[in-house]
């Protein structure tokens, strides 16, 4: 889908000095009290363990 937007120049109005500005961040998108799957990350604080999943998210930065 993004390829199609770039190919059809739909996003050209959002270029800055000829390039797209992209912000990339890691976000926690789900957390559980018990392991959800074998890929869960875990964090223990004050004896309480939380299981969670992170994702890497990229966003197009625009003036609006």
C-alpha atoms as a PDB file:
ATOM      1  CA  UNK A   1       0.000   0.000   0.000  1.00  0.00           C
ATOM      2  CA  UNK A   2       2.781   2.478   0.864  1.00  0.00           C
ATOM      3  CA  UNK A   3       4.556   1.569  -2.380  1.00  0.00           C
ATOM      4  CA  UNK A   4       1.400   2.503  -4.274  1.00  0.00           C
ATOM      5  CA  UNK A   5       1.141   5.878  -2.479  1.00  0.00           C
ATOM      6  CA  UNK A   6       4.759   6.708  -3.326  1.00  0.00           C
ATOM      7  CA  UNK A   7       4.434   5.450  -6.907  1.00  0.00           C
ATOM      8  CA  UNK A   8       1.337   7.583  -7.557  1.00  0.00           C
ATOM      9  CA  UNK A   9       3.022  10.585  -5.856  1.00  0.00           C
ATOM     10  CA  UNK A  10       0.122  10.894  -3.416  1.00  0.00           C
ATOM     11  CA  UNK A  11       2.563  11.737  -0.609  1.00  0.00           C
ATOM     12  CA  UNK A  12       4.769  14.190  -2.545  1.00  0.00           C
ATOM     13  CA  UNK A  13       3.244  17.182  -0.736  1.00  0.00           C
ATOM     14  CA  UNK A  14       4.776  15.854   2.491  1.00  0.00           C
ATOM     15  CA  UNK A  15       8.391  15.838   1.259  1.00  0.00           C
ATOM     16  CA  UNK A  16      10.886  18.131   3.005  1.00  0.00           C
ATOM     17  CA  UNK A  17      13.877  19.133   0.879  1.00  0.00           C
ATOM     18  CA  UNK A  18      13.025  16.265  -1.448  1.00  0.00           C
ATOM     19  CA  UNK A  19      12.825  13.538   1.204  1.00  0.00           C
ATOM     20  CA  UNK A  20      10.248  12.062   3.535  1.00  0.00           C
ATOM     21  CA  UNK A  21      10.776  12.568   7.270  1.00  0.00           C
ATOM     22  CA  UNK A  22      10.035   9.402   9.194  1.00  0.00           C
ATOM     23  CA  UNK A  23       9.884   9.027  12.979  1.00  0.00           C
ATOM     24  CA  UNK A  24      10.581   5.534  14.323  1.00  0.00           C
ATOM     25  CA  UNK A  25       9.750   4.416  17.851  1.00  0.00           C
ATOM     26  CA  UNK A  26       9.302   1.221  19.839  1.00  0.00           C
ATOM     27  CA  UNK A  27       5.883   0.915  21.472  1.00  0.00           C
ATOM     28  CA  UNK A  28       4.322  -1.555  23.865  1.00  0.00           C
ATOM     29  CA  UNK A  29       1.046  -2.583  22.235  1.00  0.00           C
ATOM     30  CA  UNK A  30      -0.175  -5.378  24.504  1.00  0.00           C
ATOM     31  CA  UNK A  31       0.388  -6.492  28.091  1.00  0.00           C
ATOM     32  CA  UNK A  32      -0.828  -9.505  30.025  1.00  0.00           C
ATOM     33  CA  UNK A  33      -0.848 -10.833  33.589  1.00  0.00           C
ATOM     34  CA  UNK A  34       0.106 -14.301  32.314  1.00  0.00           C
ATOM     35  CA  UNK A  35       2.327 -15.349  29.411  1.00  0.00           C
ATOM     36  CA  UNK A  36       0.395 -14.923  26.178  1.00  0.00           C
ATOM     37  CA  UNK A  37       2.851 -16.859  24.004  1.00  0.00           C
ATOM     38  CA  UNK A  38       6.455 -18.047  23.889  1.00  0.00           C
ATOM     39  CA  UNK A  39       7.573 -14.679  22.464  1.00  0.00           C
ATOM     40  CA  UNK A  40       6.316 -12.532  25.343  1.00  0.00           C
ATOM     41  CA  UNK A  41       8.817 -10.221  26.969  1.00  0.00           C
ATOM     42  CA  UNK A  42       8.519  -9.870  30.726  1.00  0.00           C
ATOM     43  CA  UNK A  43       9.163  -7.294  33.376  1.00  0.00           C
ATOM     44  CA  UNK A  44       9.091  -7.866  37.135  1.00  0.00           C
ATOM     45  CA  UNK A  45       8.596  -4.965  39.517  1.00  0.00           C
ATOM     46  CA  UNK A  46       7.846  -5.237  43.226  1.00  0.00           C
ATOM     47  CA  UNK A  47       7.477  -9.007  42.837  1.00  0.00           C
ATOM     48  CA  UNK A  48       4.778  -8.639  40.157  1.00  0.00           C
ATOM     49  CA  UNK A  49       5.522  -9.883  36.614  1.00  0.00           C
ATOM     50  CA  UNK A  50       3.924  -8.382  33.511  1.00  0.00           C
ATOM     51  CA  UNK A  51       4.200  -9.996  30.068  1.00  0.00           C
ATOM     52  CA  UNK A  52       4.104  -7.800  26.992  1.00  0.00           C
ATOM     53  CA  UNK A  53       4.796  -7.318  23.286  1.00  0.00           C
ATOM     54  CA  UNK A  54       6.617  -4.442  21.617  1.00  0.00           C
ATOM     55  CA  UNK A  55       6.454  -3.272  18.013  1.00  0.00           C
ATOM     56  CA  UNK A  56       8.614  -0.954  15.963  1.00  0.00           C
ATOM     57  CA  UNK A  57       6.404   1.788  14.486  1.00  0.00           C
ATOM     58  CA  UNK A  58       7.329   4.221  11.703  1.00  0.00           C
ATOM     59  CA  UNK A  59       5.317   7.394  11.073  1.00  0.00           C
ATOM     60  CA  UNK A  60       5.447   9.976   8.319  1.00  0.00           C
ATOM     61  CA  UNK A  61       6.152  13.380   9.912  1.00  0.00           C
ATOM     62  CA  UNK A  62       4.246  16.263   8.307  1.00  0.00           C
ATOM     63  CA  UNK A  63       3.610  19.920   9.162  1.00  0.00           C
ATOM     64  CA  UNK A  64      -0.064  19.121   9.758  1.00  0.00           C
END
